[in-house]
Amino acid sequence: MTQATTTPAKTQAKALPQVIDNFIRACNEHDAHAFIDAFAKDAMVNDFARNFWGTDAIKKWSDKEMIGDRVTFEIDEVVEHYGDFIITALTDGDYDKSKSPDPTYLDYFFTVKGDKIVRMIVTKNKEKSAR
């Protein structure tokens, strides 16, 4: 017997929780205050297998690698999966691109509780990023 595989239904960007919209806008506008305000005090960010726990650690990371490097997102795809959101985005910025594919598409996995991001995991999307 063959098992069918299904892909979760894709949603429109307007279906994103407001806090994720705020996070993306803050990143694109390089607004450090609005960026960190999107996270719960005890949130966790995992950026390429590096964990940052709590807003103090997230702020230190973002001040250098997100806001500091002027990272921007252009949403390519949004999937809602059991209440979590997975955003594939064309990602750019002023970071060292010598080891990055061009273009670079990253997947951002968000878990939201109430009006705050409690978990964000960032990985490279190998299918869409240039090799």
N, C-alpha and C. Protein backbone atom coordinates (compact mmCIF):
# COMPACT_ATOMS: atom_id res chain seq x y z
N MET A 1 0.84 -1.16 0.00
CA MET A 1 0.00 0.00 0.00
C MET A 1 0.89 1.24 0.00
N THR A 2 0.57 2.20 -0.85
CA THR A 2 1.34 3.44 -0.94
C THR A 2 0.73 4.49 -0.03
N GLN A 3 1.60 5.20 0.63
CA GLN A 3 1.12 6.27 1.49
C GLN A 3 1.21 7.59 0.77
N ALA A 4 0.14 8.34 0.80
CA ALA A 4 0.13 9.66 0.16
C ALA A 4 0.76 10.67 1.11
N THR A 5 1.49 11.59 0.54
CA THR A 5 2.05 12.66 1.34
C THR A 5 1.33 13.95 0.98
N THR A 6 1.14 14.75 1.97
CA THR A 6 0.47 16.03 1.73
C THR A 6 1.31 17.15 2.31
N THR A 7 1.18 18.29 1.72
CA THR A 7 1.86 19.49 2.19
C THR A 7 0.83 20.35 2.89
N PRO A 8 1.16 20.96 4.02
CA PRO A 8 0.20 21.83 4.69
C PRO A 8 -0.25 22.95 3.76
N ALA A 9 -1.47 23.36 3.95
CA ALA A 9 -2.01 24.45 3.12
C ALA A 9 -1.22 25.72 3.35
N LYS A 10 -0.92 26.39 2.25
CA LYS A 10 -0.20 27.65 2.34
C LYS A 10 -1.19 28.77 2.64
N THR A 11 -0.76 29.73 3.42
CA THR A 11 -1.61 30.85 3.77
C THR A 11 -1.05 32.12 3.16
N GLN A 12 -1.83 33.13 3.12
CA GLN A 12 -1.39 34.44 2.65
C GLN A 12 -0.69 35.16 3.80
N ALA A 13 0.21 36.07 3.46
CA ALA A 13 0.94 36.81 4.48
C ALA A 13 0.00 37.54 5.43
N LYS A 14 -1.17 37.97 4.95
CA LYS A 14 -2.10 38.70 5.81
C LYS A 14 -2.61 37.83 6.95
N ALA A 15 -2.48 36.49 6.83
CA ALA A 15 -2.94 35.59 7.87
C ALA A 15 -1.92 35.44 9.01
N LEU A 16 -0.76 36.05 8.86
CA LEU A 16 0.25 35.98 9.92
C LEU A 16 -0.24 36.69 11.17
N PRO A 17 0.13 36.16 12.34
CA PRO A 17 -0.18 36.90 13.57
C PRO A 17 0.49 38.28 13.52
N GLN A 18 -0.14 39.25 14.12
CA GLN A 18 0.36 40.63 14.10
C GLN A 18 1.80 40.72 14.60
N VAL A 19 2.15 39.94 15.62
CA VAL A 19 3.50 40.02 16.18
C VAL A 19 4.56 39.59 15.15
N ILE A 20 4.24 38.63 14.28
CA ILE A 20 5.20 38.23 13.25
C ILE A 20 5.31 39.32 12.19
N ASP A 21 4.17 39.90 11.81
CA ASP A 21 4.22 41.07 10.90
C ASP A 21 5.07 42.17 11.50
N ASN A 22 4.88 42.44 12.79
CA ASN A 22 5.66 43.49 13.47
C ASN A 22 7.14 43.15 13.47
N PHE A 23 7.47 41.89 13.72
CA PHE A 23 8.86 41.44 13.73
C PHE A 23 9.52 41.67 12.36
N ILE A 24 8.83 41.26 11.30
CA ILE A 24 9.40 41.41 9.95
C ILE A 24 9.56 42.89 9.60
N ARG A 25 8.57 43.69 9.93
CA ARG A 25 8.66 45.13 9.67
C ARG A 25 9.82 45.74 10.45
N ALA A 26 9.96 45.36 11.72
CA ALA A 26 11.06 45.88 12.55
C ALA A 26 12.41 45.51 11.96
N CYS A 27 12.53 44.29 11.49
CA CYS A 27 13.79 43.85 10.89
C CYS A 27 14.06 44.64 9.61
N ASN A 28 13.07 44.74 8.74
CA ASN A 28 13.25 45.45 7.48
C ASN A 28 13.53 46.93 7.67
N GLU A 29 13.02 47.50 8.76
CA GLU A 29 13.25 48.92 9.06
C GLU A 29 14.44 49.12 10.00
N HIS A 30 15.07 48.02 10.41
CA HIS A 30 16.24 48.05 11.30
C HIS A 30 15.92 48.77 12.62
N ASP A 31 14.74 48.47 13.14
CA ASP A 31 14.23 49.08 14.38
C ASP A 31 14.50 48.12 15.54
N ALA A 32 15.60 48.34 16.26
CA ALA A 32 16.03 47.44 17.32
C ALA A 32 14.99 47.32 18.43
N HIS A 33 14.36 48.42 18.80
CA HIS A 33 13.37 48.40 19.89
C HIS A 33 12.16 47.54 19.50
N ALA A 34 11.60 47.78 18.32
CA ALA A 34 10.43 47.01 17.88
C ALA A 34 10.80 45.55 17.65
N PHE A 35 12.02 45.28 17.20
CA PHE A 35 12.48 43.92 16.98
C PHE A 35 12.42 43.13 18.28
N ILE A 36 13.08 43.63 19.32
CA ILE A 36 13.15 42.88 20.58
C ILE A 36 11.79 42.86 21.28
N ASP A 37 10.96 43.87 21.05
CA ASP A 37 9.62 43.92 21.65
C ASP A 37 8.72 42.81 21.15
N ALA A 38 9.05 42.21 20.02
CA ALA A 38 8.23 41.12 19.47
C ALA A 38 8.38 39.83 20.28
N PHE A 39 9.45 39.72 21.09
CA PHE A 39 9.74 38.48 21.80
C PHE A 39 9.29 38.50 23.25
N ALA A 40 8.85 37.33 23.72
CA ALA A 40 8.58 37.15 25.15
C ALA A 40 9.90 37.21 25.91
N LYS A 41 9.85 37.61 27.17
CA LYS A 41 11.07 37.74 27.99
C LYS A 41 11.90 36.45 28.01
N ASP A 42 11.24 35.30 28.01
CA ASP A 42 11.95 34.02 28.09
C ASP A 42 11.97 33.28 26.74
N ALA A 43 11.85 34.01 25.66
CA ALA A 43 11.83 33.41 24.32
C ALA A 43 13.17 32.74 24.01
N MET A 44 13.13 31.87 23.00
CA MET A 44 14.33 31.21 22.52
C MET A 44 14.44 31.42 21.01
N VAL A 45 15.63 31.82 20.58
CA VAL A 45 15.94 31.91 19.15
C VAL A 45 17.05 30.90 18.89
N ASN A 46 16.86 30.09 17.84
CA ASN A 46 17.91 29.19 17.38
C ASN A 46 18.26 29.64 15.98
N ASP A 47 19.45 30.18 15.83
CA ASP A 47 19.94 30.67 14.54
C ASP A 47 21.07 29.75 14.10
N PHE A 48 20.78 28.87 13.15
CA PHE A 48 21.77 27.93 12.63
C PHE A 48 22.48 27.19 13.77
N ALA A 49 21.69 26.54 14.61
CA ALA A 49 22.17 25.67 15.69
C ALA A 49 22.85 26.41 16.84
N ARG A 50 22.57 27.69 16.97
CA ARG A 50 23.05 28.46 18.13
C ARG A 50 21.82 28.96 18.88
N ASN A 51 21.71 28.62 20.17
CA ASN A 51 20.56 29.02 20.97
C ASN A 51 20.82 30.32 21.71
N PHE A 52 19.81 31.19 21.69
CA PHE A 52 19.83 32.45 22.43
C PHE A 52 18.57 32.47 23.27
N TRP A 53 18.72 32.39 24.59
CA TRP A 53 17.60 32.31 25.52
C TRP A 53 17.36 33.65 26.19
N GLY A 54 16.14 34.14 26.12
CA GLY A 54 15.75 35.38 26.79
C GLY A 54 16.09 36.60 25.97
N THR A 55 15.37 37.69 26.25
CA THR A 55 15.51 38.89 25.43
C THR A 55 16.89 39.54 25.54
N ASP A 56 17.59 39.37 26.67
CA ASP A 56 18.94 39.95 26.76
C ASP A 56 19.88 39.29 25.74
N ALA A 57 19.86 37.97 25.69
CA ALA A 57 20.72 37.24 24.74
C ALA A 57 20.26 37.47 23.30
N ILE A 58 18.94 37.51 23.09
CA ILE A 58 18.42 37.74 21.74
C ILE A 58 18.81 39.14 21.27
N LYS A 59 18.76 40.11 22.16
CA LYS A 59 19.14 41.48 21.79
C LYS A 59 20.61 41.56 21.40
N LYS A 60 21.50 40.93 22.17
CA LYS A 60 22.93 40.93 21.84
C LYS A 60 23.16 40.33 20.45
N TRP A 61 22.48 39.21 20.18
CA TRP A 61 22.59 38.56 18.87
C TRP A 61 22.04 39.46 17.78
N SER A 62 20.84 40.00 17.98
CA SER A 62 20.19 40.80 16.93
C SER A 62 20.91 42.12 16.69
N ASP A 63 21.44 42.74 17.75
CA ASP A 63 22.17 44.01 17.57
C ASP A 63 23.34 43.84 16.62
N LYS A 64 23.95 42.65 16.63
CA LYS A 64 25.09 42.39 15.75
C LYS A 64 24.65 41.78 14.42
N GLU A 65 23.85 40.70 14.48
CA GLU A 65 23.61 39.87 13.30
C GLU A 65 22.30 40.14 12.56
N MET A 66 21.41 40.87 13.14
CA MET A 66 20.14 41.17 12.45
C MET A 66 20.03 42.67 12.20
N ILE A 67 19.89 43.42 13.26
CA ILE A 67 19.77 44.88 13.13
C ILE A 67 21.10 45.46 12.67
N GLY A 68 22.18 45.02 13.31
CA GLY A 68 23.51 45.52 12.95
C GLY A 68 23.90 45.22 11.51
N ASP A 69 23.55 44.04 11.03
CA ASP A 69 23.86 43.65 9.65
C ASP A 69 22.78 44.08 8.66
N ARG A 70 21.80 44.82 9.15
CA ARG A 70 20.72 45.38 8.32
C ARG A 70 20.04 44.30 7.46
N VAL A 71 19.72 43.18 8.12
CA VAL A 71 19.07 42.06 7.45
C VAL A 71 17.65 42.46 7.03
N THR A 72 17.26 42.01 5.84
CA THR A 72 15.91 42.25 5.34
C THR A 72 15.29 40.93 4.88
N PHE A 73 13.96 40.90 4.92
CA PHE A 73 13.18 39.73 4.52
C PHE A 73 12.26 40.11 3.38
N GLU A 74 12.15 39.23 2.41
CA GLU A 74 11.11 39.33 1.39
C GLU A 74 10.39 37.99 1.41
N ILE A 75 9.17 37.97 1.93
CA ILE A 75 8.43 36.72 2.10
C ILE A 75 8.19 36.05 0.76
N ASP A 76 8.53 34.77 0.70
CA ASP A 76 8.30 33.96 -0.49
C ASP A 76 7.12 33.00 -0.27
N GLU A 77 7.04 32.45 0.94
CA GLU A 77 6.02 31.44 1.22
C GLU A 77 5.72 31.44 2.71
N VAL A 78 4.46 31.20 3.05
CA VAL A 78 4.02 31.11 4.44
C VAL A 78 3.20 29.83 4.59
N VAL A 79 3.53 29.04 5.60
CA VAL A 79 2.76 27.84 5.91
C VAL A 79 2.39 27.90 7.39
N GLU A 80 1.13 27.66 7.69
CA GLU A 80 0.71 27.49 9.08
C GLU A 80 0.62 26.01 9.34
N HIS A 81 1.24 25.56 10.43
CA HIS A 81 1.27 24.13 10.75
C HIS A 81 1.02 23.96 12.24
N TYR A 82 -0.18 23.50 12.60
CA TYR A 82 -0.56 23.28 13.99
C TYR A 82 -0.35 24.52 14.85
N GLY A 83 -0.67 25.68 14.30
CA GLY A 83 -0.56 26.92 15.06
C GLY A 83 0.80 27.60 14.97
N ASP A 84 1.80 26.91 14.45
CA ASP A 84 3.11 27.53 14.22
C ASP A 84 3.15 28.05 12.79
N PHE A 85 4.04 28.98 12.54
CA PHE A 85 4.17 29.56 11.20
C PHE A 85 5.58 29.34 10.69
N ILE A 86 5.67 28.90 9.44
CA ILE A 86 6.95 28.69 8.78
C ILE A 86 6.98 29.65 7.60
N ILE A 87 7.95 30.55 7.62
CA ILE A 87 8.07 31.55 6.57
C ILE A 87 9.37 31.29 5.83
N THR A 88 9.27 31.12 4.53
CA THR A 88 10.45 31.07 3.68
C THR A 88 10.61 32.47 3.11
N ALA A 89 11.80 33.04 3.29
CA ALA A 89 12.01 34.42 2.86
C ALA A 89 13.36 34.58 2.19
N LEU A 90 13.35 35.38 1.13
CA LEU A 90 14.59 35.82 0.52
C LEU A 90 15.22 36.77 1.54
N THR A 91 16.42 36.45 1.96
CA THR A 91 17.05 37.18 3.05
C THR A 91 18.32 37.84 2.53
N ASP A 92 18.48 39.11 2.89
CA ASP A 92 19.64 39.88 2.44
C ASP A 92 20.11 40.77 3.59
N GLY A 93 21.21 41.43 3.40
CA GLY A 93 21.74 42.33 4.43
C GLY A 93 23.19 42.65 4.18
N ASP A 94 23.80 43.30 5.16
CA ASP A 94 25.20 43.73 5.06
C ASP A 94 26.16 42.75 5.74
N TYR A 95 25.79 41.50 5.85
CA TYR A 95 26.64 40.49 6.48
C TYR A 95 27.65 39.94 5.46
N ASP A 96 28.63 39.21 5.96
CA ASP A 96 29.64 38.58 5.10
C ASP A 96 28.96 37.50 4.26
N LYS A 97 28.91 37.72 2.96
CA LYS A 97 28.20 36.79 2.07
C LYS A 97 29.15 35.81 1.39
N SER A 98 30.41 35.80 1.78
CA SER A 98 31.38 34.93 1.10
C SER A 98 31.04 33.45 1.25
N LYS A 99 30.32 33.07 2.29
CA LYS A 99 29.95 31.66 2.48
C LYS A 99 28.45 31.44 2.33
N SER A 100 27.74 32.45 1.84
CA SER A 100 26.29 32.35 1.68
C SER A 100 25.93 32.14 0.21
N PRO A 101 24.90 31.34 -0.02
CA PRO A 101 24.44 31.19 -1.40
C PRO A 101 23.80 32.49 -1.88
N ASP A 102 23.79 32.68 -3.19
CA ASP A 102 23.15 33.86 -3.77
C ASP A 102 22.19 33.39 -4.85
N PRO A 103 20.90 33.48 -4.63
CA PRO A 103 20.23 34.14 -3.51
C PRO A 103 20.17 33.25 -2.28
N THR A 104 19.90 33.86 -1.13
CA THR A 104 19.77 33.13 0.13
C THR A 104 18.33 33.15 0.58
N TYR A 105 17.74 31.98 0.63
CA TYR A 105 16.39 31.81 1.18
C TYR A 105 16.53 31.09 2.51
N LEU A 106 15.95 31.67 3.54
CA LEU A 106 15.97 31.05 4.86
C LEU A 106 14.56 30.70 5.27
N ASP A 107 14.44 29.66 6.09
CA ASP A 107 13.16 29.29 6.69
C ASP A 107 13.18 29.78 8.13
N TYR A 108 12.12 30.47 8.51
CA TYR A 108 11.94 30.99 9.85
C TYR A 108 10.73 30.29 10.45
N PHE A 109 10.94 29.53 11.52
CA PHE A 109 9.88 28.80 12.20
C PHE A 109 9.50 29.59 13.45
N PHE A 110 8.25 30.02 13.53
CA PHE A 110 7.78 30.86 14.63
C PHE A 110 6.74 30.12 15.47
N THR A 111 6.88 30.20 16.78
CA THR A 111 5.84 29.81 17.72
C THR A 111 5.44 31.06 18.47
N VAL A 112 4.14 31.34 18.48
CA VAL A 112 3.60 32.54 19.12
C VAL A 112 2.66 32.12 20.23
N LYS A 113 2.78 32.77 21.37
CA LYS A 113 1.84 32.61 22.49
C LYS A 113 1.36 34.00 22.87
N GLY A 114 0.05 34.17 22.88
CA GLY A 114 -0.50 35.49 23.15
C GLY A 114 -0.06 36.44 22.05
N ASP A 115 0.59 37.52 22.43
CA ASP A 115 1.04 38.51 21.43
C ASP A 115 2.56 38.60 21.36
N LYS A 116 3.25 37.50 21.68
CA LYS A 116 4.72 37.50 21.65
C LYS A 116 5.24 36.25 20.95
N ILE A 117 6.41 36.39 20.33
CA ILE A 117 7.12 35.24 19.78
C ILE A 117 7.83 34.56 20.94
N VAL A 118 7.60 33.25 21.11
CA VAL A 118 8.26 32.51 22.18
C VAL A 118 9.39 31.62 21.64
N ARG A 119 9.35 31.35 20.33
CA ARG A 119 10.42 30.56 19.73
C ARG A 119 10.54 30.93 18.26
N MET A 120 11.79 31.09 17.81
CA MET A 120 12.08 31.32 16.40
C MET A 120 13.31 30.47 16.05
N ILE A 121 13.17 29.67 15.01
CA ILE A 121 14.27 28.82 14.55
C ILE A 121 14.56 29.21 13.10
N VAL A 122 15.85 29.42 12.79
CA VAL A 122 16.26 29.87 11.46
C VAL A 122 17.15 28.79 10.83
N THR A 123 16.78 28.38 9.61
CA THR A 123 17.58 27.40 8.86
C THR A 123 17.64 27.81 7.40
N LYS A 124 18.63 27.32 6.68
CA LYS A 124 18.73 27.59 5.24
C LYS A 124 17.76 26.70 4.49
N ASN A 125 17.04 27.28 3.54
CA ASN A 125 16.17 26.51 2.66
C ASN A 125 17.02 26.06 1.48
N LYS A 126 17.43 24.81 1.46
CA LYS A 126 18.35 24.30 0.43
C LYS A 126 17.69 24.21 -0.94
N GLU A 127 16.37 24.04 -0.98
CA GLU A 127 15.69 23.92 -2.27
C GLU A 127 15.71 25.24 -3.03
N LYS A 128 15.57 26.36 -2.32
CA LYS A 128 15.43 27.65 -3.01
C LYS A 128 16.74 28.44 -3.05
N SER A 129 17.64 28.19 -2.13
CA SER A 129 18.91 28.90 -2.13
C SER A 129 19.80 28.35 -3.24
N ALA A 130 20.55 29.24 -3.85
CA ALA A 130 21.51 28.80 -4.87
C ALA A 130 22.53 27.89 -4.20
N ARG A 131 23.02 27.00 -4.93
CA ARG A 131 24.00 26.05 -4.35
C ARG A 131 25.40 26.53 -4.55
